Structures are given as C-alpha cells and as structure tokens.
Amino acid sequence: MVEDIRVLVVDGGPGPVQGLICGLPGDGVSVLGPVADAPAALQVLELEPVSLVLVDLDRANGDGVEIVRRIHEAAERTRVIGVTVQRGPDLAAGALSAGACGVVSPEPDGESLVSVFRRALAGELILPAVHLSNLVDRLRDGRESSTIRTLDFLTTRELEILRALADGSSTAEISRSLGIRPMTVQSHVKNILAKLGVHSKVEAVTLAWRFGLGSFTRSA
C-alpha cells in the first residue's frame, strides 16, 4: 500500500498552487484546503495530520514568505514548499531562510510532483536548476571565516557527501555513486549536521553553497 501524503494548500485565491495540485488526489496524495493565510493553516495543522504544506509565494499582498515563517516556527517538523513563477533568487532565498525545504514552479520540469513530495519528506532540498545556480552565486557573496573553520572538522568522506548533497543528489544516488549503503550515508549526514551545528540537510547544503562546495550542474 502506498503511504498517503496529506498536502495542505495555502493559497489566497485561484492561483498557481491550486493549478499545481490539480488531479493529484487519488495518486497517493490527499489535498486539504485551500486555506487563505497562516492562521487558517495553523488551525488545520492543530486538527489534522499533514505531511507537507504548499504555500503560494506570489501573493498580491507579498506575505508568502511570512506565511512560510509562521508555519515553520509553529510546526517546525512540518515540511513547507513554496510555489512561485519567479525565476530570480530573492524570493526563493527568502523562503529558504524562513524555513521552507524548497521551492517549485507551478509547471515542474520532468519530475512528477509526487516524487518531489517524497523527496521533500525524506529531507531533500527541492529547487529548480534556475534557483539553484542563482542562489549559489548569491550565497557565495556572504562567506564567513568561522564557518570555513567549521568545515575543516569534516572528514574527507563527509566532505564528499556534503558536496554531493550540494549538487542535489539524494541519499540513494550518493549510496550508489560511492558504493556504500544508504544507512551509512545517513550516518555520515548525521555527523555532518552535528559538526556544522545545523538541524537539517537544507541548512547544511546552504552552508556548502556559501563556501563553494558543489558543481551546481544538475537540477534538483
């Protein structure tokens, strides 16, 4: 039996998020909402089990990132994905900083939306290639020597895995490329998070980009 993914939609009107999830119910996905704003979303999260939340970032009042932030602060373990048609790095960077685990376009390229959801729930970073390259350039402008020293504490294997994560590779892909078991990859990732003082792979990847790890040649 395929595990049901319960998705809460936060979209103030007929917008890109509702178009994105059209037709998903019945494909291992249940859709809740749409709800209009953060208070309504938090009310649903208190009453219903929710796997992840999709938030429209292109809202007329410009509060999409703030909605992400409020949901993340109130329900830290709930994965949040922003949806935007914008191709520049600013909105995507803001959503990630607010606690989103990724950003998608209303018209995802190549990969099925269900696969995107499953990767997000597995802790992967979700970003289209256009956001990946732009965010890397943006984050590289803000390097801090203290974090560079922190990276020095990583072993050769841990740096290898962190580089692969920064390139957008999944745990399964890293396992295959390095010839090690997925559980071994996960163990290394836990050590990486502890040494960097971060709580998620998204945060670790953001640091990796900031300090030049990863080739950034593939889409997420």
C-alpha atoms as a PDB file:
ATOM      1  CA  MET A   1       0.000   0.000   0.000  1.00  0.00           C
ATOM      2  CA  VAL A   2       1.330   3.458  -0.975  1.00  0.00           C
ATOM      3  CA  GLU A   3       1.533   5.786   2.002  1.00  0.00           C
ATOM      4  CA  ASP A   4      -0.907   8.656   1.742  1.00  0.00           C
ATOM      5  CA  ILE A   5       0.716  12.099   1.510  1.00  0.00           C
ATOM      6  CA  ARG A   6      -1.528  14.742   3.047  1.00  0.00           C
ATOM      7  CA  VAL A   7      -0.860  18.142   1.496  1.00  0.00           C
ATOM      8  CA  LEU A   8      -2.233  21.393   2.891  1.00  0.00           C
ATOM      9  CA  VAL A   9      -2.575  24.177   0.312  1.00  0.00           C
ATOM     10  CA  VAL A  10      -2.212  27.805   1.406  1.00  0.00           C
ATOM     11  CA  ASP A  11      -3.395  29.960  -1.474  1.00  0.00           C
ATOM     12  CA  GLY A  12      -5.446  33.131  -1.104  1.00  0.00           C
ATOM     13  CA  GLY A  13      -7.278  32.719  -4.403  1.00  0.00           C
ATOM     14  CA  PRO A  14      -7.324  30.723  -7.622  1.00  0.00           C
ATOM     15  CA  GLY A  15      -3.579  30.696  -8.094  1.00  0.00           C
ATOM     16  CA  PRO A  16      -0.546  28.630  -9.079  1.00  0.00           C
ATOM     17  CA  VAL A  17      -0.685  26.236  -6.146  1.00  0.00           C
ATOM     18  CA  GLN A  18      -4.216  25.079  -6.879  1.00  0.00           C
ATOM     19  CA  GLY A  19      -3.285  24.555 -10.513  1.00  0.00           C
ATOM     20  CA  LEU A  20      -0.178  22.640  -9.496  1.00  0.00           C
ATOM     21  CA  ILE A  21      -2.034  20.076  -7.383  1.00  0.00           C
ATOM     22  CA  CYS A  22      -4.986  19.676  -9.753  1.00  0.00           C
ATOM     23  CA  GLY A  23      -5.539  15.969 -10.395  1.00  0.00           C
ATOM     24  CA  LEU A  24      -3.265  14.746  -7.600  1.00  0.00           C
ATOM     25  CA  PRO A  25      -5.882  13.260  -5.233  1.00  0.00           C
ATOM     26  CA  GLY A  26      -6.058   9.514  -5.793  1.00  0.00           C
ATOM     27  CA  ASP A  27      -2.373   9.283  -6.720  1.00  0.00           C
ATOM     28  CA  GLY A  28      -1.218   8.626  -3.179  1.00  0.00           C
ATOM     29  CA  VAL A  29      -1.957  12.238  -2.250  1.00  0.00           C
ATOM     30  CA  SER A  30      -4.763  13.818  -0.225  1.00  0.00           C
ATOM     31  CA  VAL A  31      -5.257  17.576  -0.546  1.00  0.00           C
ATOM     32  CA  LEU A  32      -6.506  19.736   2.314  1.00  0.00           C
ATOM     33  CA  GLY A  33      -7.710  23.285   1.731  1.00  0.00           C
ATOM     34  CA  PRO A  34      -7.038  25.629   0.180  1.00  0.00           C
ATOM     35  CA  VAL A  35      -6.828  27.941   3.157  1.00  0.00           C
ATOM     36  CA  ALA A  36      -6.153  31.650   2.800  1.00  0.00           C
ATOM     37  CA  ASP A  37      -3.454  32.523   5.315  1.00  0.00           C
ATOM     38  CA  ALA A  38      -1.159  31.476   8.164  1.00  0.00           C
ATOM     39  CA  PRO A  39      -3.772  31.492  10.974  1.00  0.00           C
ATOM     40  CA  ALA A  40      -6.058  29.247   8.940  1.00  0.00           C
ATOM     41  CA  ALA A  41      -3.153  26.947   8.080  1.00  0.00           C
ATOM     42  CA  LEU A  42      -2.084  26.653  11.712  1.00  0.00           C
ATOM     43  CA  GLN A  43      -5.638  25.834  12.727  1.00  0.00           C
ATOM     44  CA  VAL A  44      -5.694  22.937  10.247  1.00  0.00           C
ATOM     45  CA  LEU A  45      -2.271  21.737  11.450  1.00  0.00           C
ATOM     46  CA  GLU A  46      -3.602  21.568  15.006  1.00  0.00           C
ATOM     47  CA  LEU A  47      -6.569  19.435  13.967  1.00  0.00           C
ATOM     48  CA  GLU A  48      -5.326  17.303  11.076  1.00  0.00           C
ATOM     49  CA  PRO A  49      -2.231  15.186  10.328  1.00  0.00           C
ATOM     50  CA  VAL A  50      -0.433  16.973   7.481  1.00  0.00           C
ATOM     51  CA  SER A  51       2.611  15.677   5.604  1.00  0.00           C
ATOM     52  CA  LEU A  52       3.640  18.950   3.994  1.00  0.00           C
ATOM     53  CA  VAL A  53       2.343  22.431   3.214  1.00  0.00           C
ATOM     54  CA  LEU A  54       2.383  24.174  -0.173  1.00  0.00           C
ATOM     55  CA  VAL A  55       2.445  27.968   0.094  1.00  0.00           C
ATOM     56  CA  ASP A  56       1.805  30.390  -2.771  1.00  0.00           C
ATOM     57  CA  LEU A  57       4.724  32.847  -2.672  1.00  0.00           C
ATOM     58  CA  ASP A  58       3.333  35.058  -5.431  1.00  0.00           C
ATOM     59  CA  ARG A  59       0.554  36.537  -3.301  1.00  0.00           C
ATOM     60  CA  ALA A  60      -0.752  40.013  -4.153  1.00  0.00           C
ATOM     61  CA  ASN A  61      -0.059  41.270  -0.614  1.00  0.00           C
ATOM     62  CA  GLY A  62       3.513  39.902  -0.656  1.00  0.00           C
ATOM     63  CA  ASP A  63       3.185  37.900   2.565  1.00  0.00           C
ATOM     64  CA  GLY A  64       4.060  34.457   1.156  1.00  0.00           C
ATOM     65  CA  VAL A  65       7.468  34.269   2.854  1.00  0.00           C
ATOM     66  CA  GLU A  66       5.972  35.431   6.157  1.00  0.00           C
ATOM     67  CA  ILE A  67       3.388  32.638   5.932  1.00  0.00           C
ATOM     68  CA  VAL A  68       6.238  30.148   5.478  1.00  0.00           C
ATOM     69  CA  ARG A  69       7.997  31.612   8.506  1.00  0.00           C
ATOM     70  CA  ARG A  70       4.928  31.440  10.759  1.00  0.00           C
ATOM     71  CA  ILE A  71       4.155  27.852   9.796  1.00  0.00           C
ATOM     72  CA  HIS A  72       7.770  26.785  10.297  1.00  0.00           C
ATOM     73  CA  GLU A  73       8.012  28.466  13.704  1.00  0.00           C
ATOM     74  CA  ALA A  74       4.746  26.936  14.931  1.00  0.00           C
ATOM     75  CA  ALA A  75       5.170  23.484  13.361  1.00  0.00           C
ATOM     76  CA  GLU A  76       8.905  23.025  12.860  1.00  0.00           C
ATOM     77  CA  ARG A  77       8.660  19.365  11.861  1.00  0.00           C
ATOM     78  CA  THR A  78       6.173  20.082   9.069  1.00  0.00           C
ATOM     79  CA  ARG A  79       7.791  20.390   5.643  1.00  0.00           C
ATOM     80  CA  VAL A  80       6.892  23.552   3.740  1.00  0.00           C
ATOM     81  CA  ILE A  81       7.386  24.089  -0.005  1.00  0.00           C
ATOM     82  CA  GLY A  82       6.964  27.465  -1.676  1.00  0.00           C
ATOM     83  CA  VAL A  83       5.416  27.763  -5.128  1.00  0.00           C
ATOM     84  CA  THR A  84       6.430  30.664  -7.391  1.00  0.00           C
ATOM     85  CA  VAL A  85       6.664  31.608 -11.048  1.00  0.00           C
ATOM     86  CA  GLN A  86       9.537  34.000 -10.311  1.00  0.00           C
ATOM     87  CA  ARG A  87      12.948  32.954 -11.617  1.00  0.00           C
ATOM     88  CA  GLY A  88      15.117  35.345  -9.587  1.00  0.00           C
ATOM     89  CA  PRO A  89      16.889  34.248  -6.391  1.00  0.00           C
ATOM     90  CA  ASP A  90      15.366  36.733  -3.942  1.00  0.00           C
ATOM     91  CA  LEU A  91      12.021  35.080  -3.267  1.00  0.00           C
ATOM     92  CA  ALA A  92      13.482  31.571  -3.167  1.00  0.00           C
ATOM     93  CA  ALA A  93      16.236  32.695  -0.798  1.00  0.00           C
ATOM     94  CA  GLY A  94      13.663  34.352   1.434  1.00  0.00           C
ATOM     95  CA  ALA A  95      11.533  31.215   1.549  1.00  0.00           C
ATOM     96  CA  LEU A  96      14.518  29.029   2.458  1.00  0.00           C
ATOM     97  CA  SER A  97      15.596  31.469   5.153  1.00  0.00           C
ATOM     98  CA  ALA A  98      12.045  31.409   6.545  1.00  0.00           C
ATOM     99  CA  GLY A  99      12.172  27.622   6.902  1.00  0.00           C
ATOM    100  CA  ALA A 100      10.957  26.205   3.587  1.00  0.00           C
ATOM    101  CA  CYS A 101      12.556  22.941   2.483  1.00  0.00           C
ATOM    102  CA  GLY A 102      12.374  24.039  -1.129  1.00  0.00           C
ATOM    103  CA  VAL A 103      10.685  25.938  -3.920  1.00  0.00           C
ATOM    104  CA  VAL A 104       8.916  24.616  -7.008  1.00  0.00           C
ATOM    105  CA  SER A 105       7.487  26.110 -10.178  1.00  0.00           C
ATOM    106  CA  PRO A 106       3.773  25.740 -10.976  1.00  0.00           C
ATOM    107  CA  GLU A 107       4.977  23.773 -14.005  1.00  0.00           C
ATOM    108  CA  PRO A 108       7.582  21.314 -12.637  1.00  0.00           C
ATOM    109  CA  ASP A 109      10.012  20.132 -15.313  1.00  0.00           C
ATOM    110  CA  GLY A 110      10.438  16.391 -15.808  1.00  0.00           C
ATOM    111  CA  GLU A 111       9.934  15.013 -12.295  1.00  0.00           C
ATOM    112  CA  SER A 112       6.469  14.079 -11.052  1.00  0.00           C
ATOM    113  CA  LEU A 113       5.033  16.157  -8.244  1.00  0.00           C
ATOM    114  CA  VAL A 114       4.531  13.054  -6.102  1.00  0.00           C
ATOM    115  CA  SER A 115       8.253  12.301  -6.440  1.00  0.00           C
ATOM    116  CA  VAL A 116       9.034  15.884  -5.398  1.00  0.00           C
ATOM    117  CA  PHE A 117       6.831  15.468  -2.338  1.00  0.00           C
ATOM    118  CA  ARG A 118       8.538  12.215  -1.356  1.00  0.00           C
ATOM    119  CA  ARG A 119      11.989  13.760  -1.689  1.00  0.00           C
ATOM    120  CA  ALA A 120      10.923  16.700   0.457  1.00  0.00           C
ATOM    121  CA  LEU A 121       9.584  14.361   3.139  1.00  0.00           C
ATOM    122  CA  ALA A 122      12.880  12.451   3.039  1.00  0.00           C
ATOM    123  CA  GLY A 123      14.698  15.668   3.918  1.00  0.00           C
ATOM    124  CA  GLU A 124      15.970  16.552   0.451  1.00  0.00           C
ATOM    125  CA  LEU A 125      16.290  20.129  -0.768  1.00  0.00           C
ATOM    126  CA  ILE A 126      13.828  20.933  -3.557  1.00  0.00           C
ATOM    127  CA  LEU A 127      14.896  23.604  -6.054  1.00  0.00           C
ATOM    128  CA  PRO A 128      14.658  24.057  -9.830  1.00  0.00           C
ATOM    129  CA  ALA A 129      18.036  24.449 -11.539  1.00  0.00           C
ATOM    130  CA  VAL A 130      17.471  28.156 -12.198  1.00  0.00           C
ATOM    131  CA  HIS A 131      17.071  28.838  -8.479  1.00  0.00           C
ATOM    132  CA  LEU A 132      19.994  26.557  -7.621  1.00  0.00           C
ATOM    133  CA  SER A 133      22.569  28.453  -9.672  1.00  0.00           C
ATOM    134  CA  ASN A 134      21.278  31.904  -8.702  1.00  0.00           C
ATOM    135  CA  LEU A 135      21.169  31.062  -5.006  1.00  0.00           C
ATOM    136  CA  VAL A 136      24.696  29.672  -5.121  1.00  0.00           C
ATOM    137  CA  ASP A 137      26.002  32.927  -6.598  1.00  0.00           C
ATOM    138  CA  ARG A 138      24.092  34.937  -4.014  1.00  0.00           C
ATOM    139  CA  LEU A 139      25.219  32.891  -1.025  1.00  0.00           C
ATOM    140  CA  ARG A 140      28.873  32.835  -2.074  1.00  0.00           C
ATOM    141  CA  ASP A 141      28.962  36.599  -1.563  1.00  0.00           C
ATOM    142  CA  GLY A 142      28.455  36.157   2.203  1.00  0.00           C
ATOM    143  CA  ARG A 143      31.240  33.829   3.312  1.00  0.00           C
ATOM    144  CA  GLU A 144      32.281  33.814   6.975  1.00  0.00           C
ATOM    145  CA  SER A 145      35.668  32.558   8.140  1.00  0.00           C
ATOM    146  CA  SER A 146      34.168  30.974  11.283  1.00  0.00           C
ATOM    147  CA  THR A 147      32.123  28.555   9.193  1.00  0.00           C
ATOM    148  CA  ILE A 148      35.100  27.787   6.949  1.00  0.00           C
ATOM    149  CA  ARG A 149      36.928  26.665  10.071  1.00  0.00           C
ATOM    150  CA  THR A 150      33.924  24.507  10.969  1.00  0.00           C
ATOM    151  CA  LEU A 151      34.160  22.750   7.596  1.00  0.00           C
ATOM    152  CA  ASP A 152      37.753  21.839   8.439  1.00  0.00           C
ATOM    153  CA  PHE A 153      36.404  19.436  11.068  1.00  0.00           C
ATOM    154  CA  LEU A 154      34.669  17.308   8.434  1.00  0.00           C
ATOM    155  CA  THR A 155      36.386  14.140   7.294  1.00  0.00           C
ATOM    156  CA  THR A 156      37.228  13.518   3.640  1.00  0.00           C
ATOM    157  CA  ARG A 157      34.205  11.222   3.285  1.00  0.00           C
ATOM    158  CA  GLU A 158      31.901  13.732   5.000  1.00  0.00           C
ATOM    159  CA  LEU A 159      33.061  16.499   2.668  1.00  0.00           C
ATOM    160  CA  GLU A 160      32.488  14.176  -0.280  1.00  0.00           C
ATOM    161  CA  ILE A 161      28.914  13.538   0.847  1.00  0.00           C
ATOM    162  CA  LEU A 162      28.278  17.213   1.594  1.00  0.00           C
ATOM    163  CA  ARG A 163      29.462  18.114  -1.922  1.00  0.00           C
ATOM    164  CA  ALA A 164      27.077  15.522  -3.361  1.00  0.00           C
ATOM    165  CA  LEU A 165      24.191  16.933  -1.316  1.00  0.00           C
ATOM    166  CA  ALA A 166      25.090  20.415  -2.567  1.00  0.00           C
ATOM    167  CA  ASP A 167      24.854  19.096  -6.130  1.00  0.00           C
ATOM    168  CA  GLY A 168      21.288  17.970  -5.413  1.00  0.00           C
ATOM    169  CA  SER A 169      21.995  14.248  -5.054  1.00  0.00           C
ATOM    170  CA  SER A 170      19.624  12.131  -2.981  1.00  0.00           C
ATOM    171  CA  THR A 171      20.692   9.628  -0.339  1.00  0.00           C
ATOM    172  CA  ALA A 172      20.067   6.771  -2.778  1.00  0.00           C
ATOM    173  CA  GLU A 173      22.160   8.430  -5.500  1.00  0.00           C
ATOM    174  CA  ILE A 174      25.045   9.081  -3.103  1.00  0.00           C
ATOM    175  CA  SER A 175      24.857   5.469  -1.929  1.00  0.00           C
ATOM    176  CA  ARG A 176      25.141   4.177  -5.499  1.00  0.00           C
ATOM    177  CA  SER A 177      27.897   6.571  -6.575  1.00  0.00           C
ATOM    178  CA  LEU A 178      30.087   5.895  -3.542  1.00  0.00           C
ATOM    179  CA  GLY A 179      29.313   2.182  -3.292  1.00  0.00           C
ATOM    180  CA  ILE A 180      28.161   2.380   0.319  1.00  0.00           C
ATOM    181  CA  ARG A 181      24.857   1.504   1.996  1.00  0.00           C
ATOM    182  CA  PRO A 182      22.109   4.152   2.336  1.00  0.00           C
ATOM    183  CA  MET A 183      22.238   3.710   6.121  1.00  0.00           C
ATOM    184  CA  THR A 184      25.954   4.559   6.009  1.00  0.00           C
ATOM    185  CA  VAL A 185      25.197   7.713   4.040  1.00  0.00           C
ATOM    186  CA  GLN A 186      22.566   8.681   6.604  1.00  0.00           C
ATOM    187  CA  SER A 187      25.048   8.105   9.428  1.00  0.00           C
ATOM    188  CA  HIS A 188      27.573  10.395   7.729  1.00  0.00           C
ATOM    189  CA  VAL A 189      24.864  13.030   7.206  1.00  0.00           C
ATOM    190  CA  LYS A 190      24.020  12.980  10.920  1.00  0.00           C
ATOM    191  CA  ASN A 191      27.697  13.549  11.731  1.00  0.00           C
ATOM    192  CA  ILE A 192      27.859  16.397   9.207  1.00  0.00           C
ATOM    193  CA  LEU A 193      24.838  18.128  10.753  1.00  0.00           C
ATOM    194  CA  ALA A 194      26.283  17.776  14.253  1.00  0.00           C
ATOM    195  CA  LYS A 195      29.696  19.155  13.255  1.00  0.00           C
ATOM    196  CA  LEU A 196      28.195  22.088  11.357  1.00  0.00           C
ATOM    197  CA  GLY A 197      25.753  22.844  14.164  1.00  0.00           C
ATOM    198  CA  VAL A 198      22.706  22.720  11.899  1.00  0.00           C
ATOM    199  CA  HIS A 199      19.460  20.775  12.129  1.00  0.00           C
ATOM    200  CA  SER A 200      18.649  19.772   8.556  1.00  0.00           C
ATOM    201  CA  LYS A 201      20.181  18.879   5.226  1.00  0.00           C
ATOM    202  CA  VAL A 202      18.728  22.091   3.822  1.00  0.00           C
ATOM    203  CA  GLU A 203      20.813  24.142   6.268  1.00  0.00           C
ATOM    204  CA  ALA A 204      23.898  22.029   5.565  1.00  0.00           C
ATOM    205  CA  VAL A 205      23.507  22.465   1.811  1.00  0.00           C
ATOM    206  CA  THR A 206      23.078  26.213   2.227  1.00  0.00           C
ATOM    207  CA  LEU A 207      26.405  26.347   4.064  1.00  0.00           C
ATOM    208  CA  ALA A 208      28.005  24.146   1.405  1.00  0.00           C
ATOM    209  CA  TRP A 209      26.903  26.577  -1.326  1.00  0.00           C
ATOM    210  CA  ARG A 210      28.139  29.544   0.684  1.00  0.00           C
ATOM    211  CA  PHE A 211      31.618  28.080   0.843  1.00  0.00           C
ATOM    212  CA  GLY A 212      31.951  26.835  -2.680  1.00  0.00           C
ATOM    213  CA  LEU A 213      31.108  23.136  -2.403  1.00  0.00           C
ATOM    214  CA  GLY A 214      29.235  21.514  -5.282  1.00  0.00           C
ATOM    215  CA  SER A 215      29.411  21.867  -9.056  1.00  0.00           C
ATOM    216  CA  PHE A 216      25.772  23.005  -9.489  1.00  0.00           C
ATOM    217  CA  THR A 217      25.386  21.393 -12.912  1.00  0.00           C
ATOM    218  CA  ARG A 218      22.166  19.459 -12.348  1.00  0.00           C
ATOM    219  CA  SER A 219      18.591  20.258 -11.417  1.00  0.00           C
ATOM    220  CA  ALA A 220      17.083  19.373  -8.055  1.00  0.00           C
END
